[in-house]
N, C-alpha and C. Protein backbone atom coordinates (compact mmCIF):
# COMPACT_ATOMS: atom_id res chain seq x y z
N MET A 1 -100.06 -110.87 -65.79
CA MET A 1 -101.54 -110.61 -65.71
C MET A 1 -101.11 -109.47 -64.23
N PHE A 2 -100.68 -110.08 -63.48
CA PHE A 2 -100.24 -109.84 -61.68
C PHE A 2 -99.90 -108.09 -61.77
N TYR A 3 -98.82 -108.08 -62.47
CA TYR A 3 -97.97 -106.94 -62.39
C TYR A 3 -98.68 -105.73 -62.85
N ASP A 4 -100.06 -106.05 -64.10
CA ASP A 4 -100.27 -105.03 -64.82
C ASP A 4 -101.51 -104.97 -63.98
N LEU A 5 -102.30 -105.51 -63.05
CA LEU A 5 -103.35 -105.63 -62.31
C LEU A 5 -102.89 -104.56 -60.82
N THR A 6 -101.77 -104.81 -60.66
CA THR A 6 -101.43 -104.11 -59.59
C THR A 6 -100.11 -102.70 -60.02
N VAL A 7 -99.55 -103.36 -59.77
CA VAL A 7 -98.30 -102.05 -60.04
C VAL A 7 -98.48 -101.06 -61.41
N VAL A 8 -98.95 -101.34 -62.24
CA VAL A 8 -99.47 -100.70 -63.39
C VAL A 8 -100.51 -99.49 -62.95
N GLN A 9 -101.42 -100.26 -62.53
CA GLN A 9 -102.60 -99.69 -62.21
C GLN A 9 -102.30 -99.00 -60.94
N PHE A 10 -101.71 -99.58 -59.92
CA PHE A 10 -101.66 -98.80 -58.67
C PHE A 10 -100.86 -97.49 -58.35
N SER A 11 -99.94 -97.57 -59.32
CA SER A 11 -99.42 -96.63 -59.86
C SER A 11 -100.23 -95.19 -60.62
N LYS A 12 -100.70 -95.57 -61.58
CA LYS A 12 -101.61 -94.94 -62.45
C LYS A 12 -103.04 -94.13 -60.99
N VAL A 13 -103.07 -95.20 -60.12
CA VAL A 13 -104.36 -94.70 -59.29
C VAL A 13 -103.66 -93.57 -58.35
N LEU A 14 -102.53 -93.98 -57.70
CA LEU A 14 -101.44 -92.93 -57.12
C LEU A 14 -101.33 -91.64 -57.54
N ASN A 15 -100.75 -91.59 -58.78
CA ASN A 15 -100.45 -90.40 -59.86
C ASN A 15 -101.66 -89.71 -59.53
N ASN A 16 -103.00 -90.51 -59.95
CA ASN A 16 -104.06 -89.61 -60.25
C ASN A 16 -104.14 -89.01 -58.24
N LEU A 17 -103.91 -89.90 -57.25
CA LEU A 17 -104.41 -88.99 -56.31
C LEU A 17 -103.64 -88.35 -55.82
N SER A 18 -102.41 -88.15 -56.29
CA SER A 18 -101.14 -86.94 -56.13
C SER A 18 -101.80 -85.62 -57.11
N HIS A 19 -102.56 -85.99 -58.04
CA HIS A 19 -103.51 -84.91 -58.85
C HIS A 19 -104.54 -84.03 -58.20
N PHE A 20 -105.14 -85.03 -57.16
CA PHE A 20 -106.10 -84.53 -56.15
C PHE A 20 -105.50 -83.59 -55.63
N LEU A 21 -104.45 -83.66 -54.82
CA LEU A 21 -103.91 -83.08 -54.01
C LEU A 21 -103.68 -81.94 -54.42
N GLY A 22 -103.25 -81.50 -55.74
CA GLY A 22 -102.60 -80.22 -56.26
C GLY A 22 -104.14 -79.50 -56.40
N LYS A 23 -105.29 -80.04 -56.97
CA LYS A 23 -106.38 -79.38 -56.74
C LYS A 23 -106.91 -79.11 -55.64
N ALA A 24 -106.66 -79.75 -54.43
CA ALA A 24 -107.10 -79.34 -53.02
C ALA A 24 -106.45 -78.04 -52.64
N ALA A 25 -105.37 -78.27 -52.99
CA ALA A 25 -104.08 -76.71 -52.51
C ALA A 25 -104.84 -75.73 -53.52
N ALA A 26 -105.31 -76.22 -54.67
CA ALA A 26 -105.84 -74.68 -55.84
C ALA A 26 -107.29 -74.63 -55.17
N HIS A 27 -107.67 -75.33 -54.71
CA HIS A 27 -109.34 -74.94 -54.10
C HIS A 27 -109.09 -74.12 -52.80
N ALA A 28 -108.31 -74.64 -51.80
CA ALA A 28 -108.20 -74.24 -50.79
C ALA A 28 -107.72 -72.38 -50.90
N GLU A 29 -106.50 -72.37 -51.74
CA GLU A 29 -106.36 -71.05 -52.07
C GLU A 29 -107.09 -70.41 -52.88
N ALA A 30 -107.86 -70.79 -53.28
CA ALA A 30 -108.92 -70.02 -54.41
C ALA A 30 -110.06 -69.11 -53.42
N LYS A 31 -110.50 -70.15 -52.14
CA LYS A 31 -111.32 -69.99 -51.37
C LYS A 31 -111.03 -69.14 -50.38
N LYS A 32 -109.76 -68.94 -50.36
CA LYS A 32 -108.92 -68.47 -49.03
C LYS A 32 -109.19 -69.26 -47.48
N PHE A 33 -109.02 -70.37 -47.70
CA PHE A 33 -109.02 -71.13 -46.53
C PHE A 33 -107.89 -72.18 -45.98
N ASP A 34 -107.75 -72.50 -45.12
CA ASP A 34 -106.25 -73.22 -44.59
C ASP A 34 -106.59 -75.01 -45.27
N VAL A 35 -105.84 -75.12 -46.29
CA VAL A 35 -105.84 -76.67 -46.69
C VAL A 35 -105.95 -78.03 -45.43
N THR A 36 -105.81 -77.32 -44.50
CA THR A 36 -105.62 -78.55 -43.59
C THR A 36 -107.37 -78.83 -43.23
N VAL A 37 -108.19 -77.79 -43.22
CA VAL A 37 -109.81 -78.10 -42.82
C VAL A 37 -110.11 -79.44 -44.51
N LEU A 38 -109.51 -79.56 -45.59
CA LEU A 38 -109.46 -80.45 -46.08
C LEU A 38 -109.06 -81.71 -45.67
N LEU A 39 -108.04 -81.71 -45.49
CA LEU A 39 -107.05 -82.83 -44.96
C LEU A 39 -107.57 -83.64 -43.95
N ASN A 40 -108.46 -83.05 -42.93
CA ASN A 40 -108.97 -83.43 -41.79
C ASN A 40 -110.65 -83.64 -42.27
N SER A 41 -110.60 -83.28 -43.25
CA SER A 41 -112.37 -83.43 -43.81
C SER A 41 -112.78 -85.03 -43.63
N ARG A 42 -113.46 -85.42 -42.97
CA ARG A 42 -114.51 -87.06 -43.54
C ARG A 42 -115.80 -86.62 -44.21
N LEU A 43 -116.50 -88.21 -44.72
CA LEU A 43 -117.33 -87.87 -45.01
C LEU A 43 -118.53 -88.35 -43.78
N ALA A 44 -118.20 -89.13 -42.72
CA ALA A 44 -118.92 -89.53 -42.22
C ALA A 44 -117.78 -89.65 -40.35
N PRO A 45 -118.85 -89.18 -39.37
CA PRO A 45 -117.92 -89.68 -38.36
C PRO A 45 -117.13 -90.55 -37.72
N ASP A 46 -117.83 -91.45 -38.12
CA ASP A 46 -116.86 -92.98 -38.04
C ASP A 46 -116.25 -93.63 -39.35
N GLN A 47 -115.89 -92.68 -39.78
CA GLN A 47 -115.29 -92.93 -41.21
C GLN A 47 -113.68 -91.78 -40.73
N PHE A 48 -112.39 -92.56 -41.74
CA PHE A 48 -111.38 -91.97 -41.70
C PHE A 48 -111.52 -90.44 -42.58
N ASN A 49 -110.31 -89.77 -41.80
CA ASN A 49 -110.27 -88.61 -42.59
C ASN A 49 -109.40 -88.53 -44.07
N PHE A 50 -109.56 -87.46 -44.54
CA PHE A 50 -108.82 -87.33 -46.12
C PHE A 50 -107.30 -87.86 -45.60
N ILE A 51 -106.51 -87.41 -44.86
CA ILE A 51 -105.47 -87.74 -44.69
C ILE A 51 -104.56 -89.62 -44.51
N ARG A 52 -106.01 -89.95 -43.83
CA ARG A 52 -105.76 -91.36 -43.24
C ARG A 52 -106.16 -92.12 -44.90
N GLN A 53 -107.05 -91.76 -45.71
CA GLN A 53 -107.48 -92.51 -46.44
C GLN A 53 -106.33 -92.34 -47.66
N VAL A 54 -105.70 -91.50 -47.77
CA VAL A 54 -104.32 -91.22 -48.48
C VAL A 54 -103.29 -91.98 -48.00
N GLN A 55 -102.84 -92.03 -46.59
CA GLN A 55 -101.76 -93.11 -46.36
C GLN A 55 -102.38 -94.58 -46.51
N ILE A 56 -103.66 -95.08 -46.23
CA ILE A 56 -104.22 -96.56 -46.48
C ILE A 56 -103.98 -96.65 -48.04
N ALA A 57 -104.37 -95.92 -48.75
CA ALA A 57 -104.45 -96.39 -50.49
C ALA A 57 -102.60 -96.67 -50.53
N CYS A 58 -101.48 -95.63 -49.82
CA CYS A 58 -100.72 -95.93 -50.00
C CYS A 58 -99.78 -97.16 -49.70
N ASP A 59 -100.34 -97.49 -48.36
CA ASP A 59 -100.32 -99.01 -47.58
C ASP A 59 -100.73 -99.98 -48.57
N THR A 60 -102.04 -99.88 -49.27
CA THR A 60 -102.74 -101.12 -49.75
C THR A 60 -101.66 -101.13 -51.10
N ALA A 61 -101.38 -100.35 -51.51
CA ALA A 61 -100.46 -100.48 -52.94
C ALA A 61 -99.27 -101.12 -52.44
N LYS A 62 -98.45 -100.18 -51.77
CA LYS A 62 -96.99 -101.11 -51.38
C LYS A 62 -96.79 -102.27 -50.56
N LEU A 63 -97.95 -102.69 -49.58
CA LEU A 63 -97.93 -104.07 -48.85
C LEU A 63 -98.79 -105.04 -49.95
N GLY A 64 -99.60 -104.55 -50.38
CA GLY A 64 -100.22 -105.64 -51.54
C GLY A 64 -99.42 -106.05 -52.71
N VAL A 65 -98.47 -105.38 -53.27
CA VAL A 65 -97.52 -105.78 -54.09
C VAL A 65 -96.49 -106.39 -53.07
N ALA A 66 -96.13 -106.36 -52.23
CA ALA A 66 -95.23 -106.74 -51.47
C ALA A 66 -95.37 -108.13 -51.01
N ARG A 67 -96.64 -108.06 -50.65
CA ARG A 67 -97.30 -109.46 -50.33
C ARG A 67 -97.59 -110.49 -51.42
N LEU A 68 -98.08 -110.00 -52.57
CA LEU A 68 -97.78 -110.92 -53.60
C LEU A 68 -96.50 -111.14 -54.24
N THR A 69 -95.80 -110.60 -53.99
CA THR A 69 -94.34 -111.02 -54.51
C THR A 69 -93.18 -111.80 -53.73
N GLY A 70 -93.84 -111.70 -52.00
CA GLY A 70 -93.38 -112.24 -51.14
C GLY A 70 -92.19 -111.50 -50.83
N LYS A 71 -92.19 -110.37 -51.15
CA LYS A 71 -91.24 -109.16 -50.61
C LYS A 71 -91.35 -108.03 -49.74
N VAL A 72 -92.06 -108.39 -48.58
CA VAL A 72 -92.59 -107.68 -47.28
C VAL A 72 -91.76 -107.04 -46.98
N GLU A 73 -90.67 -107.57 -46.58
CA GLU A 73 -89.28 -107.12 -45.80
C GLU A 73 -88.91 -105.54 -46.66
N SER A 74 -89.07 -105.78 -48.39
CA SER A 74 -88.49 -104.79 -48.87
C SER A 74 -89.46 -103.32 -49.13
N ALA A 75 -90.66 -103.30 -48.16
CA ALA A 75 -91.73 -102.24 -48.34
C ALA A 75 -91.34 -101.47 -47.94
N PRO A 76 -91.10 -99.66 -48.05
CA PRO A 76 -90.89 -98.92 -47.25
C PRO A 76 -91.60 -98.37 -46.03
N SER A 77 -91.45 -98.10 -45.35
CA SER A 77 -92.23 -97.67 -43.92
C SER A 77 -92.18 -96.41 -43.83
N HIS A 78 -93.64 -96.32 -43.58
CA HIS A 78 -94.49 -95.24 -43.71
C HIS A 78 -95.17 -95.07 -41.98
N PRO A 79 -94.56 -94.19 -41.10
CA PRO A 79 -95.08 -94.02 -40.10
C PRO A 79 -96.61 -93.31 -39.38
N ASP A 80 -97.00 -92.89 -40.69
CA ASP A 80 -98.41 -92.37 -40.47
C ASP A 80 -98.36 -90.98 -39.53
N THR A 81 -97.55 -90.00 -40.20
CA THR A 81 -97.28 -88.60 -39.19
C THR A 81 -97.34 -87.66 -40.53
N GLU A 82 -97.97 -88.09 -41.57
CA GLU A 82 -98.04 -86.99 -42.30
C GLU A 82 -99.39 -86.06 -42.02
N THR A 83 -99.24 -84.51 -42.36
CA THR A 83 -99.92 -83.75 -42.06
C THR A 83 -100.32 -82.65 -42.82
N THR A 84 -99.25 -82.45 -43.76
CA THR A 84 -99.65 -81.49 -44.65
C THR A 84 -99.45 -81.99 -46.12
N LEU A 85 -100.11 -81.07 -47.23
CA LEU A 85 -100.02 -81.85 -48.51
C LEU A 85 -98.90 -82.32 -49.17
N PRO A 86 -97.53 -81.30 -48.53
CA PRO A 86 -96.22 -81.89 -49.16
C PRO A 86 -95.83 -82.97 -48.90
N GLU A 87 -96.14 -83.60 -47.36
CA GLU A 87 -95.81 -84.72 -46.65
C GLU A 87 -96.69 -86.06 -47.11
N LEU A 88 -97.88 -85.55 -48.04
CA LEU A 88 -98.74 -86.29 -48.33
C LEU A 88 -98.24 -86.90 -49.69
N LYS A 89 -97.50 -85.81 -50.41
CA LYS A 89 -97.22 -86.02 -51.85
C LYS A 89 -96.12 -87.09 -51.59
N ALA A 90 -95.17 -86.84 -51.11
CA ALA A 90 -93.73 -87.29 -50.76
C ALA A 90 -94.21 -88.74 -50.19
N ARG A 91 -95.05 -89.06 -49.57
CA ARG A 91 -95.58 -90.47 -49.32
C ARG A 91 -95.87 -91.27 -50.71
N ILE A 92 -96.70 -90.62 -51.19
CA ILE A 92 -97.23 -90.74 -52.55
C ILE A 92 -96.25 -91.35 -53.40
N GLN A 93 -95.28 -90.40 -53.22
CA GLN A 93 -93.93 -90.97 -54.60
C GLN A 93 -92.84 -91.50 -53.78
N SER A 94 -93.07 -91.87 -52.87
CA SER A 94 -91.75 -93.01 -51.94
C SER A 94 -92.87 -94.45 -52.72
N VAL A 95 -93.93 -94.38 -52.79
CA VAL A 95 -94.68 -95.79 -52.82
C VAL A 95 -94.71 -95.78 -54.54
N LEU A 96 -94.32 -94.88 -55.18
CA LEU A 96 -94.61 -95.05 -56.51
C LEU A 96 -93.18 -95.33 -57.23
N ASP A 97 -91.88 -94.44 -56.31
CA ASP A 97 -90.86 -95.12 -56.39
C ASP A 97 -90.39 -96.76 -56.22
N TYR A 98 -91.33 -97.30 -54.86
CA TYR A 98 -91.07 -98.53 -54.49
C TYR A 98 -91.67 -99.21 -55.54
N LEU A 99 -92.56 -99.24 -56.03
CA LEU A 99 -93.73 -99.98 -57.11
C LEU A 99 -93.06 -99.84 -58.31
N ALA A 100 -91.90 -98.92 -58.72
CA ALA A 100 -91.40 -99.21 -59.96
C ALA A 100 -89.92 -100.24 -59.75
N SER A 101 -89.85 -100.26 -58.59
CA SER A 101 -88.77 -101.18 -58.68
C SER A 101 -89.31 -102.77 -58.96
N PHE A 102 -90.22 -103.13 -59.27
CA PHE A 102 -90.88 -104.24 -59.29
C PHE A 102 -90.78 -104.42 -61.10
N LYS A 103 -90.83 -105.71 -61.46
CA LYS A 103 -90.95 -106.22 -62.98
C LYS A 103 -92.04 -107.49 -62.92
N PRO A 104 -92.39 -107.70 -64.01
CA PRO A 104 -93.25 -108.67 -63.98
C PRO A 104 -92.88 -109.82 -63.58
N GLU A 105 -91.67 -110.47 -64.10
CA GLU A 105 -91.44 -111.81 -63.27
C GLU A 105 -91.16 -111.90 -61.74
N ASP A 106 -91.39 -110.89 -60.90
CA ASP A 106 -91.35 -110.48 -59.81
C ASP A 106 -92.75 -111.57 -59.53
N PHE A 107 -93.77 -111.98 -60.08
CA PHE A 107 -95.01 -112.15 -59.72
C PHE A 107 -95.33 -113.67 -60.43
N ALA A 108 -94.26 -114.10 -61.02
CA ALA A 108 -93.89 -115.71 -61.36
C ALA A 108 -94.83 -116.46 -60.53
N ASP A 109 -94.90 -116.45 -59.07
CA ASP A 109 -95.74 -117.67 -58.46
C ASP A 109 -96.72 -116.79 -57.76
N THR A 110 -97.30 -115.61 -57.80
CA THR A 110 -98.26 -114.98 -57.28
C THR A 110 -99.67 -115.70 -57.01
N ALA A 111 -99.94 -116.37 -57.90
CA ALA A 111 -101.44 -116.95 -57.82
C ALA A 111 -101.79 -118.06 -57.14
N GLU A 112 -100.66 -118.91 -56.26
CA GLU A 112 -100.89 -120.02 -55.74
C GLU A 112 -100.34 -119.54 -54.47
N ARG A 113 -99.57 -118.37 -54.09
CA ARG A 113 -99.16 -118.07 -52.78
C ARG A 113 -99.57 -117.71 -52.11
N HIS A 114 -99.54 -117.85 -50.56
CA HIS A 114 -100.41 -118.17 -49.64
C HIS A 114 -100.23 -116.58 -48.68
N ILE A 115 -101.19 -116.16 -48.85
CA ILE A 115 -100.78 -114.93 -47.87
C ILE A 115 -101.94 -114.41 -46.85
N SER A 116 -101.47 -114.32 -45.72
CA SER A 116 -102.11 -113.85 -44.35
C SER A 116 -101.35 -112.25 -44.05
N GLN A 117 -102.25 -111.97 -43.00
CA GLN A 117 -101.82 -110.95 -42.06
C GLN A 117 -102.01 -111.20 -40.61
N PRO A 118 -101.61 -110.48 -40.06
CA PRO A 118 -101.72 -111.00 -38.49
C PRO A 118 -103.32 -110.51 -37.98
N ARG A 119 -103.95 -110.05 -38.53
CA ARG A 119 -105.32 -109.87 -37.85
C ARG A 119 -106.28 -110.74 -38.97
N TRP A 120 -105.79 -111.81 -39.57
CA TRP A 120 -106.59 -112.84 -40.26
C TRP A 120 -106.32 -114.39 -39.12
N GLU A 121 -105.84 -113.66 -38.08
CA GLU A 121 -106.01 -115.23 -37.08
C GLU A 121 -105.22 -116.45 -37.56
N GLY A 122 -104.34 -116.57 -38.93
CA GLY A 122 -103.78 -117.84 -38.89
C GLY A 122 -104.53 -117.86 -40.65
N LYS A 123 -105.50 -117.69 -40.84
CA LYS A 123 -106.02 -117.62 -42.18
C LYS A 123 -105.41 -117.10 -43.27
N TYR A 124 -105.69 -117.56 -44.48
CA TYR A 124 -104.63 -117.17 -45.52
C TYR A 124 -105.52 -117.29 -47.01
N LEU A 125 -105.00 -116.37 -47.85
CA LEU A 125 -105.78 -116.00 -49.20
C LEU A 125 -105.03 -116.81 -49.99
N THR A 126 -105.13 -117.53 -51.05
CA THR A 126 -104.19 -117.34 -52.04
C THR A 126 -103.58 -115.98 -52.87
N GLY A 127 -102.64 -116.04 -53.54
CA GLY A 127 -102.47 -114.40 -54.57
C GLY A 127 -103.63 -113.89 -55.28
N TYR A 128 -103.94 -114.96 -55.90
CA TYR A 128 -105.39 -114.39 -56.98
C TYR A 128 -106.71 -114.38 -56.04
N GLU A 129 -106.50 -114.90 -54.95
CA GLU A 129 -107.83 -114.20 -54.27
C GLU A 129 -107.48 -112.96 -53.57
N PHE A 130 -106.23 -112.86 -53.11
CA PHE A 130 -105.88 -111.54 -52.06
C PHE A 130 -105.82 -110.85 -53.40
N ALA A 131 -105.18 -110.45 -54.59
CA ALA A 131 -105.63 -109.30 -55.40
C ALA A 131 -106.62 -108.95 -55.94
N ILE A 132 -107.54 -110.02 -56.55
CA ILE A 132 -108.78 -109.73 -56.86
C ILE A 132 -110.03 -109.44 -55.82
N GLN A 133 -109.71 -110.38 -54.81
CA GLN A 133 -110.83 -109.87 -53.50
C GLN A 133 -110.39 -108.92 -52.55
N HIS A 134 -109.27 -108.29 -52.42
CA HIS A 134 -109.11 -107.81 -51.41
C HIS A 134 -107.81 -106.39 -51.71
N VAL A 135 -106.60 -106.64 -52.15
CA VAL A 135 -105.87 -105.40 -52.33
C VAL A 135 -106.75 -104.82 -53.41
N ILE A 136 -106.91 -105.01 -54.49
CA ILE A 136 -107.71 -104.03 -55.80
C ILE A 136 -109.25 -103.60 -55.28
N PRO A 137 -109.59 -104.25 -54.54
CA PRO A 137 -110.96 -103.02 -54.03
C PRO A 137 -110.77 -102.29 -53.08
N ASN A 138 -109.37 -102.79 -52.34
CA ASN A 138 -109.12 -101.86 -50.92
C ASN A 138 -108.40 -100.65 -51.31
N ILE A 139 -107.68 -100.56 -52.42
CA ILE A 139 -107.28 -99.51 -52.95
C ILE A 139 -108.16 -98.22 -53.65
N TYR A 140 -109.11 -99.02 -54.40
CA TYR A 140 -110.23 -98.11 -55.34
C TYR A 140 -111.44 -97.94 -53.80
N PHE A 141 -111.22 -98.45 -53.22
CA PHE A 141 -112.30 -97.69 -51.86
C PHE A 141 -111.91 -96.60 -51.19
N HIS A 142 -110.32 -96.54 -50.83
CA HIS A 142 -109.85 -95.69 -50.25
C HIS A 142 -109.58 -94.22 -51.02
N THR A 143 -109.22 -94.53 -52.25
CA THR A 143 -109.15 -93.25 -53.51
C THR A 143 -110.12 -92.94 -53.32
N THR A 144 -111.42 -93.78 -53.53
CA THR A 144 -112.76 -93.23 -53.98
C THR A 144 -113.06 -92.43 -52.83
N THR A 145 -112.98 -92.89 -51.72
CA THR A 145 -113.44 -92.09 -50.55
C THR A 145 -112.40 -90.63 -50.28
N ALA A 146 -111.49 -90.77 -50.43
CA ALA A 146 -110.55 -89.56 -50.99
C ALA A 146 -111.03 -88.42 -51.78
N TYR A 147 -111.34 -89.16 -52.73
CA TYR A 147 -111.89 -88.51 -54.04
C TYR A 147 -112.79 -87.51 -53.63
N ALA A 148 -114.23 -88.33 -53.13
CA ALA A 148 -115.33 -88.01 -52.21
C ALA A 148 -115.32 -86.88 -51.45
N ILE A 149 -114.62 -87.10 -50.46
CA ILE A 149 -114.48 -86.45 -49.58
C ILE A 149 -114.23 -84.93 -50.13
N LEU A 150 -113.12 -84.78 -51.23
CA LEU A 150 -112.93 -83.60 -51.58
C LEU A 150 -114.13 -82.90 -52.72
N ARG A 151 -114.63 -83.80 -53.43
CA ARG A 151 -115.43 -83.16 -54.20
C ARG A 151 -116.82 -82.62 -53.23
N HIS A 152 -117.22 -83.71 -51.92
CA HIS A 152 -118.05 -83.12 -50.94
C HIS A 152 -117.70 -81.49 -50.14
N ASN A 153 -116.57 -81.15 -50.34
CA ASN A 153 -116.18 -80.31 -50.33
C ASN A 153 -116.01 -78.88 -51.15
N GLY A 154 -116.32 -79.49 -52.60
CA GLY A 154 -116.25 -78.15 -53.54
C GLY A 154 -115.22 -78.58 -54.12
N VAL A 155 -114.23 -79.42 -54.04
CA VAL A 155 -113.07 -79.30 -54.83
C VAL A 155 -113.23 -79.59 -56.29
N ASP A 156 -112.69 -79.15 -57.13
CA ASP A 156 -113.22 -79.02 -58.70
C ASP A 156 -112.42 -80.48 -59.26
N LEU A 157 -113.11 -81.54 -58.64
CA LEU A 157 -112.83 -82.84 -59.46
C LEU A 157 -113.82 -83.38 -60.21
N GLY A 158 -113.56 -84.40 -61.04
CA GLY A 158 -114.40 -84.95 -61.78
C GLY A 158 -113.72 -86.41 -62.52
N LYS A 159 -114.57 -87.09 -63.01
CA LYS A 159 -114.63 -88.12 -63.33
C LYS A 159 -113.12 -88.40 -64.01
N LYS A 160 -112.72 -87.57 -65.13
CA LYS A 160 -111.87 -87.70 -65.63
C LYS A 160 -110.30 -87.63 -64.83
N ASP A 161 -110.52 -86.91 -63.81
CA ASP A 161 -109.54 -86.70 -62.67
C ASP A 161 -109.15 -88.04 -62.04
N TYR A 162 -110.41 -88.59 -61.95
CA TYR A 162 -110.65 -89.86 -60.86
C TYR A 162 -109.70 -91.11 -61.75
N LEU A 163 -110.17 -90.92 -63.03
CA LEU A 163 -109.98 -92.00 -63.77
C LEU A 163 -108.53 -92.16 -64.62
N GLY A 164 -108.19 -90.56 -64.91
CA GLY A 164 -106.73 -90.16 -65.43
C GLY A 164 -106.62 -90.36 -67.13
N SER A 165 -105.34 -90.58 -67.38
CA SER A 165 -105.48 -90.35 -68.74
C SER A 165 -105.83 -91.85 -69.05
N LEU A 166 -106.20 -92.10 -70.41
CA LEU A 166 -106.93 -93.36 -71.17
C LEU A 166 -105.87 -93.61 -72.13
N PRO A 167 -105.38 -95.20 -72.41
CA PRO A 167 -104.80 -95.01 -73.54
C PRO A 167 -105.25 -95.48 -75.08
N TYR A 168 -105.90 -94.45 -75.12
CA TYR A 168 -106.92 -94.66 -76.49
C TYR A 168 -106.08 -94.85 -77.83
N LYS A 169 -106.83 -95.65 -78.66
CA LYS A 169 -106.13 -95.99 -79.78
C LYS A 169 -107.20 -95.58 -80.99
N SER A 170 -106.14 -95.37 -81.84
CA SER A 170 -106.58 -94.73 -83.19
C SER A 170 -106.91 -95.90 -84.44
């Protein structure tokens, strides 16, 4: 269950986010402006810009899975220096490659694992609580915000871009 809720779904979300980047580039090219305008855009003055939203979505995916499986030391390091679309795409791909290294059995004892972070000041959540109440909502928050920044700036994105392909049955 945890594998599907995290690795499978986070991979889909990150692939969709990478797709947003392609649409952002096409929009900037069609409108004849520098795409860095979009990368540095934000919805509110006190909210992170598009670049930071992508970085946090990536960090949420990789560190969420790493913490849920007890493999934090294996997570790739990203120094948050991306400033271009190709650099953001490379970061997303790096996280996708990392997620692909996990298997369902890596999540065998996830539900009861105690998970903490330095900013939680010694408090913890169980793996179940961490996945359902922290990691999953967090990746959707930052992906949705990235989506909204681009939509707000006129990029032709719709619900199908956000959801990606669905496994329809006949």
